[in-house]
């Protein structure tokens, strides 16, 4: 969880809490779970990256990320962020 980072001060924790409260939580249905397994095996992704990619694929929504590991996943629409 984001707020578990040990160097956060109380103001930063509160900002994270407000951000999370504004987020929409999406449950992992069976189709997403199957896709998580497939993408993880195919691209050797970490579990969190597989969940993000599978959810993006299921809802046909782009991912904005600087995670280079997601660049190899052909099944998603990745908007790669570069600083």
PDB file of N, CA and C in Angstrom:
ATOM      1  N   UNK A   1       0.837  -1.176   0.000  1.00  0.00           N
ATOM      2  CA  UNK A   1       0.000   0.000   0.000  1.00  0.00           C
ATOM      3  C   UNK A   1       0.886   1.243   0.000  1.00  0.00           C
ATOM      4  N   UNK A   2       0.437   2.260  -0.662  1.00  0.00           N
ATOM      5  CA  UNK A   2       1.218   3.488  -0.790  1.00  0.00           C
ATOM      6  C   UNK A   2       1.588   4.113   0.545  1.00  0.00           C
ATOM      7  N   UNK A   3       0.680   4.106   1.460  1.00  0.00           N
ATOM      8  CA  UNK A   3       0.921   4.792   2.735  1.00  0.00           C
ATOM      9  C   UNK A   3       1.822   3.996   3.682  1.00  0.00           C
ATOM     10  N   UNK A   4       2.294   2.835   3.265  1.00  0.00           N
ATOM     11  CA  UNK A   4       3.167   2.042   4.130  1.00  0.00           C
ATOM     12  C   UNK A   4       4.641   2.427   4.005  1.00  0.00           C
ATOM     13  N   UNK A   5       4.954   3.321   3.063  1.00  0.00           N
ATOM     14  CA  UNK A   5       6.345   3.756   2.903  1.00  0.00           C
ATOM     15  C   UNK A   5       6.808   4.446   4.171  1.00  0.00           C
ATOM     16  N   UNK A   6       7.924   4.017   4.722  1.00  0.00           N
ATOM     17  CA  UNK A   6       8.358   4.455   6.054  1.00  0.00           C
ATOM     18  C   UNK A   6       8.809   5.910   6.141  1.00  0.00           C
ATOM     19  N   UNK A   7       9.081   6.559   5.029  1.00  0.00           N
ATOM     20  CA  UNK A   7       9.573   7.942   5.082  1.00  0.00           C
ATOM     21  C   UNK A   7       8.478   8.992   4.880  1.00  0.00           C
ATOM     22  N   UNK A   8       7.224   8.575   4.855  1.00  0.00           N
ATOM     23  CA  UNK A   8       6.130   9.526   4.670  1.00  0.00           C
ATOM     24  C   UNK A   8       5.864  10.307   5.948  1.00  0.00           C
ATOM     25  N   UNK A   9       5.613  11.593   5.777  1.00  0.00           N
ATOM     26  CA  UNK A   9       5.173  12.382   6.936  1.00  0.00           C
ATOM     27  C   UNK A   9       3.642  12.401   6.948  1.00  0.00           C
ATOM     28  N   UNK A  10       3.062  12.976   7.950  1.00  0.00           N
ATOM     29  CA  UNK A  10       1.601  12.933   8.108  1.00  0.00           C
ATOM     30  C   UNK A  10       0.869  13.676   6.986  1.00  0.00           C
ATOM     31  N   UNK A  11       1.444  14.757   6.476  1.00  0.00           N
ATOM     32  CA  UNK A  11       0.819  15.504   5.375  1.00  0.00           C
ATOM     33  C   UNK A  11       0.795  14.647   4.111  1.00  0.00           C
ATOM     34  N   UNK A  12       1.898  13.961   3.845  1.00  0.00           N
ATOM     35  CA  UNK A  12       1.962  13.091   2.662  1.00  0.00           C
ATOM     36  C   UNK A  12       0.999  11.914   2.791  1.00  0.00           C
ATOM     37  N   UNK A  13       0.902  11.353   3.978  1.00  0.00           N
ATOM     38  CA  UNK A  13      -0.052  10.264   4.204  1.00  0.00           C
ATOM     39  C   UNK A  13      -1.482  10.727   3.951  1.00  0.00           C
ATOM     40  N   UNK A  14      -1.796  11.917   4.409  1.00  0.00           N
ATOM     41  CA  UNK A  14      -3.143  12.456   4.221  1.00  0.00           C
ATOM     42  C   UNK A  14      -3.431  12.681   2.730  1.00  0.00           C
ATOM     43  N   UNK A  15      -2.464  13.183   1.991  1.00  0.00           N
ATOM     44  CA  UNK A  15      -2.642  13.377   0.548  1.00  0.00           C
ATOM     45  C   UNK A  15      -2.893  12.049  -0.157  1.00  0.00           C
ATOM     46  N   UNK A  16      -2.156  11.033   0.240  1.00  0.00           N
ATOM     47  CA  UNK A  16      -2.358   9.705  -0.340  1.00  0.00           C
ATOM     48  C   UNK A  16      -3.747   9.187  -0.002  1.00  0.00           C
ATOM     49  N   UNK A  17      -4.175   9.349   1.227  1.00  0.00           N
ATOM     50  CA  UNK A  17      -5.511   8.912   1.637  1.00  0.00           C
ATOM     51  C   UNK A  17      -6.603   9.614   0.829  1.00  0.00           C
ATOM     52  N   UNK A  18      -6.456  10.913   0.617  1.00  0.00           N
ATOM     53  CA  UNK A  18      -7.430  11.658  -0.192  1.00  0.00           C
ATOM     54  C   UNK A  18      -7.435  11.148  -1.636  1.00  0.00           C
ATOM     55  N   UNK A  19      -6.252  10.886  -2.154  1.00  0.00           N
ATOM     56  CA  UNK A  19      -6.152  10.371  -3.524  1.00  0.00           C
ATOM     57  C   UNK A  19      -6.850   9.014  -3.639  1.00  0.00           C
ATOM     58  N   UNK A  20      -6.579   8.118  -2.725  1.00  0.00           N
ATOM     59  CA  UNK A  20      -7.172   6.784  -2.753  1.00  0.00           C
ATOM     60  C   UNK A  20      -8.686   6.852  -2.595  1.00  0.00           C
ATOM     61  N   UNK A  21      -9.170   7.768  -1.771  1.00  0.00           N
ATOM     62  CA  UNK A  21     -10.612   7.931  -1.596  1.00  0.00           C
ATOM     63  C   UNK A  21     -11.299   8.339  -2.894  1.00  0.00           C
ATOM     64  N   UNK A  22     -10.583   9.022  -3.775  1.00  0.00           N
ATOM     65  CA  UNK A  22     -11.147   9.459  -5.056  1.00  0.00           C
ATOM     66  C   UNK A  22     -11.042   8.405  -6.158  1.00  0.00           C
ATOM     67  N   UNK A  23     -10.335   7.330  -5.890  1.00  0.00           N
ATOM     68  CA  UNK A  23     -10.129   6.282  -6.895  1.00  0.00           C
ATOM     69  C   UNK A  23     -11.332   5.346  -6.964  1.00  0.00           C
ATOM     70  N   UNK A  24     -11.489   4.757  -8.122  1.00  0.00           N
ATOM     71  CA  UNK A  24     -12.507   3.732  -8.316  1.00  0.00           C
ATOM     72  C   UNK A  24     -11.817   2.377  -8.170  1.00  0.00           C
ATOM     73  N   UNK A  25     -12.347   1.534  -7.304  1.00  0.00           N
ATOM     74  CA  UNK A  25     -11.782   0.213  -7.079  1.00  0.00           C
ATOM     75  C   UNK A  25     -12.436  -0.764  -8.048  1.00  0.00           C
ATOM     76  N   UNK A  26     -11.607  -1.502  -8.768  1.00  0.00           N
ATOM     77  CA  UNK A  26     -12.096  -2.479  -9.739  1.00  0.00           C
ATOM     78  C   UNK A  26     -11.739  -3.869  -9.224  1.00  0.00           C
ATOM     79  N   UNK A  27     -12.766  -4.688  -9.054  1.00  0.00           N
ATOM     80  CA  UNK A  27     -12.515  -6.065  -8.616  1.00  0.00           C
ATOM     81  C   UNK A  27     -11.930  -6.873  -9.763  1.00  0.00           C
ATOM     82  N   UNK A  28     -11.134  -7.848  -9.414  1.00  0.00           N
ATOM     83  CA  UNK A  28     -10.557  -8.732 -10.418  1.00  0.00           C
ATOM     84  C   UNK A  28     -11.543  -9.857 -10.710  1.00  0.00           C
ATOM     85  N   UNK A  29     -12.191  -9.788 -11.858  1.00  0.00           N
ATOM     86  CA  UNK A  29     -13.124 -10.844 -12.229  1.00  0.00           C
ATOM     87  C   UNK A  29     -12.340 -12.018 -12.836  1.00  0.00           C
ATOM     88  N   UNK A  30     -13.037 -13.073 -13.175  1.00  0.00           N
ATOM     89  CA  UNK A  30     -12.376 -14.288 -13.671  1.00  0.00           C
ATOM     90  C   UNK A  30     -11.610 -14.039 -14.972  1.00  0.00           C
ATOM     91  N   UNK A  31     -12.153 -13.235 -15.846  1.00  0.00           N
ATOM     92  CA  UNK A  31     -11.473 -12.961 -17.116  1.00  0.00           C
ATOM     93  C   UNK A  31     -10.166 -12.201 -16.890  1.00  0.00           C
ATOM     94  N   UNK A  32     -10.188 -11.232 -16.002  1.00  0.00           N
ATOM     95  CA  UNK A  32      -8.963 -10.490 -15.681  1.00  0.00           C
ATOM     96  C   UNK A  32      -7.953 -11.430 -15.030  1.00  0.00           C
ATOM     97  N   UNK A  33      -8.411 -12.285 -14.127  1.00  0.00           N
ATOM     98  CA  UNK A  33      -7.509 -13.226 -13.460  1.00  0.00           C
ATOM     99  C   UNK A  33      -6.821 -14.143 -14.463  1.00  0.00           C
ATOM    100  N   UNK A  34      -7.578 -14.642 -15.430  1.00  0.00           N
ATOM    101  CA  UNK A  34      -6.989 -15.513 -16.461  1.00  0.00           C
ATOM    102  C   UNK A  34      -5.957 -14.749 -17.285  1.00  0.00           C
ATOM    103  N   UNK A  35      -6.281 -13.512 -17.609  1.00  0.00           N
ATOM    104  CA  UNK A  35      -5.351 -12.687 -18.371  1.00  0.00           C
ATOM    105  C   UNK A  35      -4.091 -12.372 -17.566  1.00  0.00           C
ATOM    106  N   UNK A  36      -4.244 -12.168 -16.254  1.00  0.00           N
ATOM    107  CA  UNK A  36      -3.086 -11.942 -15.375  1.00  0.00           C
ATOM    108  C   UNK A  36      -2.126 -13.122 -15.494  1.00  0.00           C
ATOM    109  N   UNK A  37      -2.654 -14.312 -15.416  1.00  0.00           N
ATOM    110  CA  UNK A  37      -1.822 -15.516 -15.488  1.00  0.00           C
ATOM    111  C   UNK A  37      -1.128 -15.606 -16.842  1.00  0.00           C
ATOM    112  N   UNK A  38      -1.888 -15.370 -17.909  1.00  0.00           N
ATOM    113  CA  UNK A  38      -1.325 -15.443 -19.263  1.00  0.00           C
ATOM    114  C   UNK A  38      -0.222 -14.414 -19.477  1.00  0.00           C
ATOM    115  N   UNK A  39      -0.503 -13.160 -19.111  1.00  0.00           N
ATOM    116  CA  UNK A  39       0.489 -12.102 -19.313  1.00  0.00           C
ATOM    117  C   UNK A  39       1.724 -12.324 -18.448  1.00  0.00           C
ATOM    118  N   UNK A  40       1.515 -12.805 -17.248  1.00  0.00           N
ATOM    119  CA  UNK A  40       2.650 -13.032 -16.351  1.00  0.00           C
ATOM    120  C   UNK A  40       3.570 -14.112 -16.913  1.00  0.00           C
ATOM    121  N   UNK A  41       2.989 -15.182 -17.411  1.00  0.00           N
ATOM    122  CA  UNK A  41       3.787 -16.264 -17.995  1.00  0.00           C
ATOM    123  C   UNK A  41       4.466 -15.813 -19.291  1.00  0.00           C
ATOM    124  N   UNK A  42       3.704 -15.140 -20.139  1.00  0.00           N
ATOM    125  CA  UNK A  42       4.200 -14.759 -21.459  1.00  0.00           C
ATOM    126  C   UNK A  42       5.331 -13.738 -21.388  1.00  0.00           C
ATOM    127  N   UNK A  43       5.181 -12.745 -20.506  1.00  0.00           N
ATOM    128  CA  UNK A  43       6.147 -11.650 -20.452  1.00  0.00           C
ATOM    129  C   UNK A  43       7.012 -11.646 -19.189  1.00  0.00           C
ATOM    130  N   UNK A  44       6.826 -12.649 -18.326  1.00  0.00           N
ATOM    131  CA  UNK A  44       7.592 -12.749 -17.079  1.00  0.00           C
ATOM    132  C   UNK A  44       7.489 -11.463 -16.248  1.00  0.00           C
ATOM    133  N   UNK A  45       6.254 -10.957 -16.143  1.00  0.00           N
ATOM    134  CA  UNK A  45       5.983  -9.738 -15.383  1.00  0.00           C
ATOM    135  C   UNK A  45       5.846 -10.051 -13.902  1.00  0.00           C
ATOM    136  N   UNK A  46       6.055  -9.046 -13.093  1.00  0.00           N
ATOM    137  CA  UNK A  46       5.749  -9.165 -11.667  1.00  0.00           C
ATOM    138  C   UNK A  46       4.227  -9.167 -11.530  1.00  0.00           C
ATOM    139  N   UNK A  47       3.744  -9.737 -10.441  1.00  0.00           N
ATOM    140  CA  UNK A  47       2.295  -9.859 -10.254  1.00  0.00           C
ATOM    141  C   UNK A  47       1.571  -8.516 -10.333  1.00  0.00           C
ATOM    142  N   UNK A  48       2.033  -7.453  -9.642  1.00  0.00           N
ATOM    143  CA  UNK A  48       1.311  -6.176  -9.747  1.00  0.00           C
ATOM    144  C   UNK A  48       1.254  -5.638 -11.187  1.00  0.00           C
ATOM    145  N   UNK A  49       2.350  -5.784 -11.922  1.00  0.00           N
ATOM    146  CA  UNK A  49       2.359  -5.325 -13.320  1.00  0.00           C
ATOM    147  C   UNK A  49       1.397  -6.151 -14.167  1.00  0.00           C
ATOM    148  N   UNK A  50       1.320  -7.434 -13.898  1.00  0.00           N
ATOM    149  CA  UNK A  50       0.391  -8.305 -14.624  1.00  0.00           C
ATOM    150  C   UNK A  50      -1.056  -7.910 -14.356  1.00  0.00           C
ATOM    151  N   UNK A  51      -1.360  -7.580 -13.112  1.00  0.00           N
ATOM    152  CA  UNK A  51      -2.720  -7.158 -12.756  1.00  0.00           C
ATOM    153  C   UNK A  51      -3.075  -5.853 -13.455  1.00  0.00           C
ATOM    154  N   UNK A  52      -2.150  -4.912 -13.448  1.00  0.00           N
ATOM    155  CA  UNK A  52      -2.385  -3.621 -14.114  1.00  0.00           C
ATOM    156  C   UNK A  52      -2.584  -3.823 -15.613  1.00  0.00           C
ATOM    157  N   UNK A  53      -1.724  -4.599 -16.233  1.00  0.00           N
ATOM    158  CA  UNK A  53      -1.815  -4.831 -17.676  1.00  0.00           C
ATOM    159  C   UNK A  53      -3.109  -5.557 -18.043  1.00  0.00           C
ATOM    160  N   UNK A  54      -3.463  -6.585 -17.290  1.00  0.00           N
ATOM    161  CA  UNK A  54      -4.681  -7.350 -17.577  1.00  0.00           C
ATOM    162  C   UNK A  54      -5.933  -6.501 -17.398  1.00  0.00           C
ATOM    163  N   UNK A  55      -5.938  -5.665 -16.395  1.00  0.00           N
ATOM    164  CA  UNK A  55      -7.083  -4.782 -16.168  1.00  0.00           C
ATOM    165  C   UNK A  55      -7.197  -3.756 -17.289  1.00  0.00           C
ATOM    166  N   UNK A  56      -6.079  -3.214 -17.702  1.00  0.00           N
ATOM    167  CA  UNK A  56      -6.061  -2.272 -18.820  1.00  0.00           C
ATOM    168  C   UNK A  56      -6.590  -2.930 -20.091  1.00  0.00           C
ATOM    169  N   UNK A  57      -6.141  -4.142 -20.315  1.00  0.00           N
ATOM    170  CA  UNK A  57      -6.576  -4.888 -21.501  1.00  0.00           C
ATOM    171  C   UNK A  57      -8.083  -5.158 -21.440  1.00  0.00           C
ATOM    172  N   UNK A  58      -8.575  -5.596 -20.303  1.00  0.00           N
ATOM    173  CA  UNK A  58      -9.986  -5.938 -20.141  1.00  0.00           C
ATOM    174  C   UNK A  58     -10.895  -4.728 -20.389  1.00  0.00           C
ATOM    175  N   UNK A  59     -10.524  -3.577 -19.836  1.00  0.00           N
ATOM    176  CA  UNK A  59     -11.355  -2.387 -19.977  1.00  0.00           C
ATOM    177  C   UNK A  59     -10.989  -1.541 -21.197  1.00  0.00           C
ATOM    178  N   UNK A  60      -9.977  -1.982 -21.938  1.00  0.00           N
ATOM    179  CA  UNK A  60      -9.514  -1.279 -23.130  1.00  0.00           C
ATOM    180  C   UNK A  60      -9.205   0.189 -22.816  1.00  0.00           C
ATOM    181  N   UNK A  61      -8.419   0.386 -21.757  1.00  0.00           N
ATOM    182  CA  UNK A  61      -8.001   1.722 -21.362  1.00  0.00           C
ATOM    183  C   UNK A  61      -6.477   1.789 -21.367  1.00  0.00           C
ATOM    184  N   UNK A  62      -5.918   2.931 -21.717  1.00  0.00           N
ATOM    185  CA  UNK A  62      -4.454   3.045 -21.773  1.00  0.00           C
ATOM    186  C   UNK A  62      -3.844   3.115 -20.365  1.00  0.00           C
ATOM    187  N   UNK A  63      -2.572   2.774 -20.320  1.00  0.00           N
ATOM    188  CA  UNK A  63      -1.788   2.891 -19.093  1.00  0.00           C
ATOM    189  C   UNK A  63      -0.747   3.972 -19.319  1.00  0.00           C
ATOM    190  N   UNK A  64      -0.635   4.888 -18.385  1.00  0.00           N
ATOM    191  CA  UNK A  64       0.435   5.880 -18.411  1.00  0.00           C
ATOM    192  C   UNK A  64       1.445   5.437 -17.366  1.00  0.00           C
ATOM    193  N   UNK A  65       2.659   5.110 -17.819  1.00  0.00           N
ATOM    194  CA  UNK A  65       3.650   4.568 -16.899  1.00  0.00           C
ATOM    195  C   UNK A  65       5.064   4.805 -17.414  1.00  0.00           C
ATOM    196  N   UNK A  66       5.993   4.859 -16.483  1.00  0.00           N
ATOM    197  CA  UNK A  66       7.420   4.918 -16.823  1.00  0.00           C
ATOM    198  C   UNK A  66       8.064   3.549 -16.617  1.00  0.00           C
ATOM    199  N   UNK A  67       7.264   2.534 -16.372  1.00  0.00           N
ATOM    200  CA  UNK A  67       7.748   1.179 -16.123  1.00  0.00           C
ATOM    201  C   UNK A  67       8.175   0.534 -17.444  1.00  0.00           C
ATOM    202  N   UNK A  68       9.470   0.371 -17.617  1.00  0.00           N
ATOM    203  CA  UNK A  68      10.005  -0.190 -18.865  1.00  0.00           C
ATOM    204  C   UNK A  68       9.549  -1.627 -19.093  1.00  0.00           C
ATOM    205  N   UNK A  69       9.245  -2.334 -18.012  1.00  0.00           N
ATOM    206  CA  UNK A  69       8.792  -3.715 -18.141  1.00  0.00           C
ATOM    207  C   UNK A  69       7.483  -3.848 -18.887  1.00  0.00           C
ATOM    208  N   UNK A  70       6.646  -2.822 -18.836  1.00  0.00           N
ATOM    209  CA  UNK A  70       5.358  -2.869 -19.531  1.00  0.00           C
ATOM    210  C   UNK A  70       5.486  -2.607 -21.029  1.00  0.00           C
ATOM    211  N   UNK A  71       6.628  -2.085 -21.458  1.00  0.00           N
ATOM    212  CA  UNK A  71       6.817  -1.769 -22.874  1.00  0.00           C
ATOM    213  C   UNK A  71       6.738  -3.002 -23.766  1.00  0.00           C
ATOM    214  N   UNK A  72       7.054  -4.160 -23.224  1.00  0.00           N
ATOM    215  CA  UNK A  72       7.062  -5.385 -24.024  1.00  0.00           C
ATOM    216  C   UNK A  72       5.677  -6.026 -24.171  1.00  0.00           C
ATOM    217  N   UNK A  73       4.695  -5.546 -23.429  1.00  0.00           N
ATOM    218  CA  UNK A  73       3.354  -6.143 -23.454  1.00  0.00           C
ATOM    219  C   UNK A  73       2.578  -5.586 -24.639  1.00  0.00           C
ATOM    220  N   UNK A  74       2.425  -6.408 -25.651  1.00  0.00           N
ATOM    221  CA  UNK A  74       1.782  -5.980 -26.898  1.00  0.00           C
ATOM    222  C   UNK A  74       0.271  -5.818 -26.771  1.00  0.00           C
ATOM    223  N   UNK A  75      -0.327  -6.452 -25.782  1.00  0.00           N
ATOM    224  CA  UNK A  75      -1.784  -6.462 -25.649  1.00  0.00           C
ATOM    225  C   UNK A  75      -2.362  -5.203 -25.024  1.00  0.00           C
ATOM    226  N   UNK A  76      -1.522  -4.279 -24.604  1.00  0.00           N
ATOM    227  CA  UNK A  76      -2.020  -3.082 -23.937  1.00  0.00           C
ATOM    228  C   UNK A  76      -1.640  -1.819 -24.718  1.00  0.00           C
ATOM    229  N   UNK A  77      -2.359  -0.753 -24.415  1.00  0.00           N
ATOM    230  CA  UNK A  77      -2.057   0.559 -24.983  1.00  0.00           C
ATOM    231  C   UNK A  77      -1.273   1.322 -23.907  1.00  0.00           C
ATOM    232  N   UNK A  78       0.047   1.329 -24.065  1.00  0.00           N
ATOM    233  CA  UNK A  78       0.922   1.959 -23.086  1.00  0.00           C
ATOM    234  C   UNK A  78       1.344   3.346 -23.565  1.00  0.00           C
ATOM    235  N   UNK A  79       1.085   4.345 -22.741  1.00  0.00           N
ATOM    236  CA  UNK A  79       1.586   5.683 -22.978  1.00  0.00           C
ATOM    237  C   UNK A  79       2.804   5.822 -22.086  1.00  0.00           C
ATOM    238  N   UNK A  80       3.973   5.610 -22.669  1.00  0.00           N
ATOM    239  CA  UNK A  80       5.195   5.552 -21.879  1.00  0.00           C
ATOM    240  C   UNK A  80       5.616   6.960 -21.478  1.00  0.00           C
ATOM    241  N   UNK A  81       5.822   7.131 -20.188  1.00  0.00           N
ATOM    242  CA  UNK A  81       6.189   8.432 -19.631  1.00  0.00           C
ATOM    243  C   UNK A  81       7.710   8.513 -19.506  1.00  0.00           C
ATOM    244  N   UNK A  82       8.260   9.575 -20.082  1.00  0.00           N
ATOM    245  CA  UNK A  82       9.696   9.847 -19.946  1.00  0.00           C
ATOM    246  C   UNK A  82       9.855  11.201 -19.269  1.00  0.00           C
ATOM    247  N   UNK A  83      10.764  11.278 -18.325  1.00  0.00           N
ATOM    248  CA  UNK A  83      10.999  12.571 -17.652  1.00  0.00           C
ATOM    249  C   UNK A  83      11.763  13.489 -18.568  1.00  0.00           C
TER     250      UNK A  83
END
